[in-house]
Amino acid sequence: MITIPVYQPSLEGNENKYVNQCLDSTWISSKGEFITKFEISFAERTGVKHAAAVCNGTVALHLALVALGIGPGDEIIVPTLTYISSVNAITYTGATPVFVDSLESTWQMDPEDVRRKLSPNTKAIMAVHLYGHPCDMDSLVSIKNEHGLFLVEDCAEAFGSMYKGKHVGSFGDISTYSFFGNKTITTGEGGMVVSNDETLHDRVVHFKGQGLAKHRQYWHDVIGYNYRMTNICAAIGLAQLERAEEFLAKKRQLAEWYEEGLNSLPVIFHKETENVRHSYWMCSILVDDPAKREPLRDLLALNGIETRPLFYPVHTMPMYATKFQRHPVAENLGWRGINLPSWPDISKINVDIVVNAVKEFVQ
């Protein structure tokens, strides 16, 4: 029986109060005061001008690409070491994902491999801030500017992450977040599309609401989508946002506990590098031998500890493996990595239980 889950949300703020206000007002669908409040507060918190709330993180990515006009014949460069939604969103548009390898030091996409994969059909780079550690944004912005490309930031796992003192999500032409139940702040299901470009923001709002014309009721002038967030979800999100600093501080404390406890063991803890602030959405380790990962996870499960494997490189999955590719760093990380219990309210006692179970296995 699992006694230490890999994640669970903390809902001890104004979530009940705000949701009950929605119920009392009867505004429970995609209109209501909390949607606008959440969007404005989120934009302010993440250092961007515009934010549009949507129903989940995957549609946020799809909507961002649609707003940019991405479609068949376009190539989008994306790390292979990512969650599947990053790549699926590209495929939804009819564009082609072009995979790049990762940096061993940060686990993020390798800018030099991005340069190698550029082609006349490249239209955008999708930077995924994996597990809360920022990508090398100086290099990616430089490539974007040199070649006249769009830059999309997938910040699904990186709320609170910073690169050289600036929030991730504020570097790209357009960026997205996820608020699934296991994210640093949650709405249950939800997402956000953010941009500093007013025209892109207007396009996002237009497409997410069934392509409804701005000044003519029930007149639709593009094929749009029903990607709107509900007022109830936004109410939860606003309450979560009020506790953002608390959650992020607890995450850093958790990472310090893990790093200290695992320091002398033959595992590598995923920690922040210079000039960045890792938000530690997931606290993760690498074992020294891929053959040890599943036995370690099995032992942890026997001790009631839930874990997750690192994401499998997407180029190895059947629907994206139609031609042979090798991305050795991403593959090595993907076969060796484990996500440890990482919820903000986990106790030091539970962290010690996890660390001691790892010690039992490796010693």
Protein backbone atom coordinates (compact mmCIF):
# COMPACT_ATOMS: atom_id res chain seq x y z
CA MET A 1 0.00 0.00 0.00
CA ILE A 2 1.31 3.45 -0.93
CA THR A 3 1.79 5.61 2.15
CA ILE A 4 4.10 8.22 0.61
CA PRO A 5 2.64 9.29 -2.77
CA VAL A 6 4.79 10.83 -5.47
CA TYR A 7 2.55 13.89 -5.36
CA GLN A 8 -0.58 15.33 -3.80
CA PRO A 9 -1.92 18.90 -3.92
CA SER A 10 -2.11 21.24 -0.95
CA LEU A 11 -5.62 22.76 -0.79
CA GLU A 12 -5.62 24.53 2.55
CA GLY A 13 -5.99 28.13 1.40
CA ASN A 14 -9.04 29.91 -0.03
CA GLU A 15 -9.97 27.13 -2.45
CA ASN A 16 -13.20 26.17 -0.66
CA LYS A 17 -14.19 29.80 -0.12
CA TYR A 18 -13.70 30.80 -3.74
CA VAL A 19 -15.35 27.68 -5.19
CA ASN A 20 -18.37 28.22 -2.95
CA GLN A 21 -18.57 31.79 -4.23
CA CYS A 22 -18.81 30.33 -7.74
CA LEU A 23 -21.57 27.97 -6.66
CA ASP A 24 -23.48 30.71 -4.86
CA SER A 25 -23.24 32.99 -7.90
CA THR A 26 -24.15 30.13 -10.31
CA TRP A 27 -21.19 31.17 -12.53
CA ILE A 28 -19.65 27.71 -12.80
CA SER A 29 -18.73 27.44 -16.49
CA SER A 30 -16.39 29.53 -18.66
CA LYS A 31 -17.63 32.95 -17.53
CA GLY A 32 -17.19 34.56 -14.14
CA GLU A 33 -15.03 36.90 -12.12
CA PHE A 34 -12.36 34.37 -11.15
CA ILE A 35 -11.21 33.73 -14.72
CA THR A 36 -10.16 37.33 -15.28
CA LYS A 37 -8.74 37.64 -11.76
CA PHE A 38 -6.66 34.50 -12.23
CA GLU A 39 -5.38 35.58 -15.65
CA ILE A 40 -4.38 39.06 -14.45
CA SER A 41 -2.73 37.76 -11.27
CA PHE A 42 -0.88 35.03 -13.15
CA ALA A 43 0.48 37.45 -15.73
CA GLU A 44 1.71 39.77 -12.98
CA ARG A 45 3.26 36.87 -11.05
CA THR A 46 5.17 35.50 -14.06
CA GLY A 47 6.33 38.80 -15.56
CA VAL A 48 4.32 38.81 -18.79
CA LYS A 49 1.77 41.22 -20.22
CA HIS A 50 -1.01 38.84 -21.22
CA ALA A 51 -2.41 35.51 -19.99
CA ALA A 52 -5.32 33.40 -21.24
CA ALA A 53 -6.68 30.56 -19.10
CA VAL A 54 -7.50 27.26 -20.83
CA CYS A 55 -8.76 23.83 -19.82
CA ASN A 56 -5.43 21.97 -19.65
CA GLY A 57 -1.75 22.21 -20.47
CA THR A 58 -1.88 20.17 -23.66
CA VAL A 59 -4.48 22.39 -25.31
CA ALA A 60 -2.41 25.38 -24.15
CA LEU A 61 0.46 24.09 -26.30
CA HIS A 62 -1.82 23.36 -29.24
CA LEU A 63 -3.42 26.78 -28.97
CA ALA A 64 -0.03 28.50 -28.84
CA LEU A 65 1.03 26.78 -32.05
CA VAL A 66 -2.29 27.57 -33.74
CA ALA A 67 -1.93 31.23 -32.75
CA LEU A 68 1.51 31.26 -34.40
CA GLY A 69 0.03 29.80 -37.59
CA ILE A 70 2.02 26.56 -37.39
CA GLY A 71 0.76 23.90 -39.80
CA PRO A 72 1.60 21.21 -42.37
CA GLY A 73 5.06 21.50 -43.87
CA ASP A 74 6.49 23.27 -40.81
CA GLU A 75 9.12 21.71 -38.58
CA ILE A 76 9.25 22.36 -34.85
CA ILE A 77 12.42 21.51 -32.94
CA VAL A 78 11.60 19.88 -29.60
CA PRO A 79 13.58 17.88 -27.02
CA THR A 80 12.97 14.16 -27.16
CA LEU A 81 13.24 14.01 -23.35
CA THR A 82 9.88 15.53 -22.53
CA TYR A 83 6.31 14.58 -21.68
CA ILE A 84 4.38 13.34 -24.69
CA SER A 85 2.04 16.36 -24.83
CA SER A 86 4.86 18.64 -26.03
CA VAL A 87 5.24 16.52 -29.14
CA ASN A 88 1.60 15.57 -29.64
CA ALA A 89 0.61 19.25 -29.73
CA ILE A 90 2.98 19.74 -32.67
CA THR A 91 1.48 16.74 -34.45
CA TYR A 92 -2.08 18.04 -33.90
CA THR A 93 -1.26 21.02 -36.13
CA GLY A 94 0.06 18.84 -38.96
CA ALA A 95 3.61 20.08 -38.39
CA THR A 96 6.58 17.74 -37.94
CA PRO A 97 8.43 17.40 -34.62
CA VAL A 98 12.21 17.34 -35.03
CA PHE A 99 13.87 15.81 -31.98
CA VAL A 100 17.03 17.04 -30.28
CA ASP A 101 19.17 15.55 -27.54
CA SER A 102 19.67 16.82 -23.99
CA LEU A 103 22.51 18.28 -21.97
CA GLU A 104 23.80 15.87 -19.34
CA SER A 105 24.43 18.72 -16.89
CA THR A 106 20.89 20.12 -16.81
CA TRP A 107 18.74 17.49 -18.63
CA GLN A 108 17.46 20.32 -20.88
CA MET A 109 17.54 20.53 -24.69
CA ASP A 110 21.01 20.88 -26.21
CA PRO A 111 21.30 24.20 -28.11
CA GLU A 112 24.10 22.87 -30.30
CA ASP A 113 21.90 19.99 -31.38
CA VAL A 114 19.18 22.54 -32.12
CA ARG A 115 21.59 24.26 -34.51
CA ARG A 116 22.37 20.94 -36.18
CA LYS A 117 18.68 20.21 -36.75
CA LEU A 118 17.78 23.54 -38.39
CA SER A 119 16.38 23.29 -41.90
CA PRO A 120 14.59 25.57 -44.39
CA ASN A 121 11.32 24.19 -42.96
CA THR A 122 12.10 25.04 -39.33
CA LYS A 123 9.52 27.49 -38.03
CA ALA A 124 9.90 27.29 -34.25
CA ILE A 125 11.86 25.95 -31.32
CA MET A 126 9.90 24.51 -28.40
CA ALA A 127 11.91 24.89 -25.20
CA VAL A 128 10.68 22.55 -22.46
CA HIS A 129 11.84 23.46 -18.95
CA LEU A 130 11.97 19.85 -17.82
CA TYR A 131 11.13 19.10 -14.17
CA GLY A 132 11.46 22.80 -13.31
CA HIS A 133 15.06 23.45 -14.39
CA PRO A 134 15.30 26.23 -17.01
CA CYS A 135 16.75 25.70 -20.45
CA ASP A 136 19.75 27.70 -21.72
CA MET A 137 17.63 30.62 -22.83
CA ASP A 138 20.49 32.86 -23.96
CA SER A 139 21.51 30.29 -26.55
CA LEU A 140 17.96 29.51 -27.67
CA VAL A 141 16.99 33.18 -27.99
CA SER A 142 20.16 33.76 -30.00
CA ILE A 143 19.29 30.91 -32.40
CA LYS A 144 15.71 32.20 -32.69
CA ASN A 145 16.90 35.71 -33.58
CA GLU A 146 19.64 34.57 -35.96
CA HIS A 147 17.25 32.45 -38.01
CA GLY A 148 13.99 34.35 -37.68
CA LEU A 149 12.20 31.59 -35.80
CA PHE A 150 9.42 31.52 -33.25
CA LEU A 151 10.28 30.44 -29.70
CA VAL A 152 7.64 28.56 -27.71
CA GLU A 153 8.28 27.84 -24.03
CA ASP A 154 6.62 24.81 -22.47
CA CYS A 155 6.58 25.80 -18.79
CA ALA A 156 4.17 23.04 -17.72
CA GLU A 157 6.63 21.89 -15.05
CA ALA A 158 8.35 25.19 -14.39
CA PHE A 159 6.07 27.57 -12.53
CA GLY A 160 8.44 29.66 -10.38
CA SER A 161 11.57 28.81 -12.36
CA MET A 162 13.93 31.67 -13.21
CA TYR A 163 16.72 32.20 -15.74
CA LYS A 164 19.16 34.98 -14.86
CA GLY A 165 16.56 36.61 -12.62
CA LYS A 166 13.77 36.49 -15.19
CA HIS A 167 10.76 34.16 -15.16
CA VAL A 168 10.72 31.36 -17.68
CA GLY A 169 7.82 31.89 -20.01
CA SER A 170 8.80 35.52 -20.58
CA PHE A 171 11.54 34.81 -23.16
CA GLY A 172 9.50 33.22 -25.92
CA ASP A 173 7.02 34.62 -28.40
CA ILE A 174 4.41 32.56 -26.59
CA SER A 175 4.52 30.22 -23.60
CA THR A 176 2.32 27.72 -21.81
CA TYR A 177 1.70 26.33 -18.33
CA SER A 178 -0.14 23.34 -16.91
CA PHE A 179 -2.18 23.23 -13.69
CA PHE A 180 -2.84 19.50 -13.45
CA GLY A 181 -3.30 18.17 -9.92
CA ASN A 182 0.39 17.32 -9.54
CA LYS A 183 1.73 20.72 -10.59
CA THR A 184 3.23 23.30 -8.21
CA ILE A 185 -0.03 25.25 -8.41
CA THR A 186 -3.12 23.42 -9.58
CA THR A 187 -6.64 24.03 -10.81
CA GLY A 188 -7.40 20.29 -10.96
CA GLU A 189 -7.21 20.43 -14.74
CA GLY A 190 -6.14 23.62 -16.43
CA GLY A 191 -3.51 25.58 -18.30
CA MET A 192 -2.44 29.06 -19.31
CA VAL A 193 -1.11 30.61 -22.51
CA VAL A 194 1.01 33.72 -21.92
CA SER A 195 2.67 36.25 -24.22
CA ASN A 196 4.04 39.77 -24.31
CA ASP A 197 2.60 40.18 -27.81
CA GLU A 198 -0.93 41.62 -27.81
CA THR A 199 -1.77 40.30 -31.27
CA LEU A 200 -0.77 36.75 -30.32
CA HIS A 201 -2.81 37.04 -27.14
CA ASP A 202 -5.85 38.21 -29.12
CA ARG A 203 -5.46 35.24 -31.46
CA VAL A 204 -5.29 32.85 -28.50
CA VAL A 205 -8.48 34.30 -27.01
CA HIS A 206 -10.19 34.15 -30.40
CA PHE A 207 -9.31 30.52 -31.10
CA LYS A 208 -9.92 29.21 -27.57
CA GLY A 209 -13.55 30.42 -27.59
CA GLN A 210 -14.84 28.59 -30.68
CA GLY A 211 -13.59 31.36 -33.01
CA LEU A 212 -16.26 33.76 -31.80
CA ALA A 213 -16.07 37.18 -33.47
CA LYS A 214 -15.17 39.96 -31.07
CA HIS A 215 -17.98 42.39 -31.89
CA ARG A 216 -20.79 40.21 -33.24
CA GLN A 217 -22.75 37.88 -30.97
CA TYR A 218 -22.79 34.21 -32.01
CA TRP A 219 -20.85 34.96 -35.21
CA HIS A 220 -17.81 32.73 -35.75
CA ASP A 221 -15.21 33.78 -38.30
CA VAL A 222 -12.54 31.08 -37.84
CA ILE A 223 -12.62 27.39 -36.94
CA GLY A 224 -11.93 27.59 -33.24
CA TYR A 225 -11.84 25.29 -30.24
CA ASN A 226 -13.62 24.96 -26.93
CA TYR A 227 -10.47 25.32 -24.83
CA ARG A 228 -11.83 27.60 -22.12
CA MET A 229 -11.21 27.24 -18.38
CA THR A 230 -14.17 27.12 -16.00
CA ASN A 231 -14.74 29.73 -13.33
CA ILE A 232 -14.51 26.98 -10.69
CA CYS A 233 -11.05 25.93 -11.90
CA ALA A 234 -9.92 29.56 -12.00
CA ALA A 235 -11.18 30.05 -8.43
CA ILE A 236 -8.97 27.16 -7.29
CA GLY A 237 -6.08 28.57 -9.31
CA LEU A 238 -6.38 32.02 -7.76
CA ALA A 239 -6.35 30.50 -4.26
CA GLN A 240 -3.28 28.45 -5.20
CA LEU A 241 -1.53 31.49 -6.65
CA GLU A 242 -1.96 33.27 -3.32
CA ARG A 243 0.22 30.56 -1.75
CA ALA A 244 2.78 30.35 -4.56
CA GLU A 245 5.75 31.62 -2.55
CA GLU A 246 4.94 29.20 0.26
CA PHE A 247 4.83 26.26 -2.16
CA LEU A 248 8.07 27.25 -3.88
CA ALA A 249 9.89 27.72 -0.56
CA LYS A 250 8.75 24.30 0.60
CA LYS A 251 9.94 22.77 -2.67
CA ARG A 252 13.41 24.22 -2.18
CA GLN A 253 13.50 22.93 1.38
CA LEU A 254 12.48 19.50 0.12
CA ALA A 255 15.24 19.54 -2.49
CA GLU A 256 17.79 20.48 0.20
CA TRP A 257 16.65 17.57 2.37
CA TYR A 258 16.98 15.12 -0.51
CA GLU A 259 20.32 16.48 -1.69
CA GLU A 260 21.79 16.33 1.81
CA GLY A 261 20.45 12.84 2.50
CA LEU A 262 21.55 11.37 -0.83
CA ASN A 263 24.88 13.19 -1.05
CA SER A 264 27.12 10.25 -0.12
CA LEU A 265 25.26 7.68 -2.23
CA PRO A 266 25.99 6.53 -5.81
CA VAL A 267 23.05 8.48 -7.22
CA ILE A 268 22.98 11.88 -8.91
CA PHE A 269 20.45 14.44 -7.70
CA HIS A 270 19.01 16.81 -10.30
CA LYS A 271 20.01 20.21 -8.93
CA GLU A 272 20.16 23.72 -10.27
CA THR A 273 23.13 25.06 -12.21
CA GLU A 274 24.52 28.60 -12.30
CA ASN A 275 22.31 31.61 -13.07
CA VAL A 276 19.04 29.70 -12.74
CA ARG A 277 16.43 29.03 -10.11
CA HIS A 278 15.15 25.47 -10.20
CA SER A 279 11.54 25.25 -8.99
CA TYR A 280 11.91 21.52 -8.23
CA TRP A 281 8.52 20.50 -9.54
CA MET A 282 9.92 16.99 -9.20
CA CYS A 283 12.92 16.00 -7.13
CA SER A 284 14.71 13.46 -9.28
CA ILE A 285 17.74 11.18 -9.20
CA LEU A 286 19.81 9.12 -11.60
CA VAL A 287 21.04 5.66 -10.63
CA ASP A 288 24.49 4.67 -11.88
CA ASP A 289 23.24 1.70 -13.91
CA PRO A 290 19.96 1.55 -15.87
CA ALA A 291 19.52 -2.05 -14.75
CA LYS A 292 19.15 -0.85 -11.15
CA ARG A 293 16.29 1.58 -11.71
CA GLU A 294 13.29 -0.75 -11.68
CA PRO A 295 14.61 -2.89 -8.79
CA LEU A 296 15.09 0.31 -6.77
CA ARG A 297 11.59 1.49 -7.62
CA ASP A 298 10.26 -1.95 -6.65
CA LEU A 299 12.01 -1.75 -3.27
CA LEU A 300 10.65 1.74 -2.67
CA ALA A 301 7.15 0.52 -3.55
CA LEU A 302 7.51 -2.31 -1.02
CA ASN A 303 8.22 0.41 1.55
CA GLY A 304 5.02 2.25 0.56
CA ILE A 305 6.88 4.87 -1.51
CA GLU A 306 5.46 5.83 -4.89
CA THR A 307 7.91 6.94 -7.61
CA ARG A 308 7.86 7.62 -11.34
CA PRO A 309 10.40 6.88 -14.06
CA LEU A 310 11.82 9.85 -15.93
CA PHE A 311 9.98 10.46 -19.17
CA TYR A 312 10.89 8.01 -21.88
CA PRO A 313 12.47 9.81 -24.87
CA VAL A 314 9.62 10.39 -27.31
CA HIS A 315 11.64 9.30 -30.34
CA THR A 316 11.59 5.76 -28.91
CA MET A 317 7.77 5.56 -28.81
CA PRO A 318 6.04 3.62 -31.62
CA MET A 319 4.20 6.52 -33.26
CA TYR A 320 7.38 8.65 -33.40
CA ALA A 321 9.87 5.87 -34.15
CA THR A 322 9.19 5.44 -37.85
CA LYS A 323 12.84 6.17 -38.60
CA PHE A 324 15.85 5.18 -36.53
CA GLN A 325 17.33 7.96 -34.39
CA ARG A 326 19.85 8.08 -31.58
CA HIS A 327 19.84 10.71 -28.86
CA PRO A 328 22.32 9.15 -26.47
CA VAL A 329 22.17 11.63 -23.58
CA ALA A 330 18.37 11.68 -23.48
CA GLU A 331 18.26 7.90 -23.70
CA ASN A 332 20.79 7.50 -20.91
CA LEU A 333 18.88 9.91 -18.66
CA GLY A 334 15.54 8.36 -19.56
CA TRP A 335 16.62 4.84 -18.59
CA ARG A 336 18.34 5.88 -15.34
CA GLY A 337 16.03 8.50 -13.84
CA ILE A 338 13.52 8.34 -10.99
CA ASN A 339 11.13 11.02 -9.72
CA LEU A 340 10.87 10.89 -5.93
CA PRO A 341 7.90 12.03 -3.79
CA SER A 342 7.84 15.80 -4.33
CA TRP A 343 4.69 17.38 -2.89
CA PRO A 344 5.19 20.61 -0.96
CA ASP A 345 3.77 19.43 2.37
CA ILE A 346 5.82 16.25 2.63
CA SER A 347 7.47 15.97 6.04
CA LYS A 348 11.15 15.58 6.85
CA ILE A 349 10.26 12.23 8.43
CA ASN A 350 8.86 10.97 5.13
CA VAL A 351 11.88 12.28 3.21
CA ASP A 352 14.12 10.38 5.61
CA ILE A 353 12.10 7.22 4.96
CA VAL A 354 12.66 7.64 1.22
CA VAL A 355 16.37 8.37 1.64
CA ASN A 356 16.88 5.39 3.97
CA ALA A 357 15.13 3.08 1.51
CA VAL A 358 17.47 4.28 -1.26
CA LYS A 359 20.43 3.70 1.07
CA GLU A 360 19.22 0.17 1.79
CA PHE A 361 19.25 -0.58 -1.92
CA VAL A 362 22.56 0.96 -2.96
CA GLN A 363 24.72 -0.03 0.00
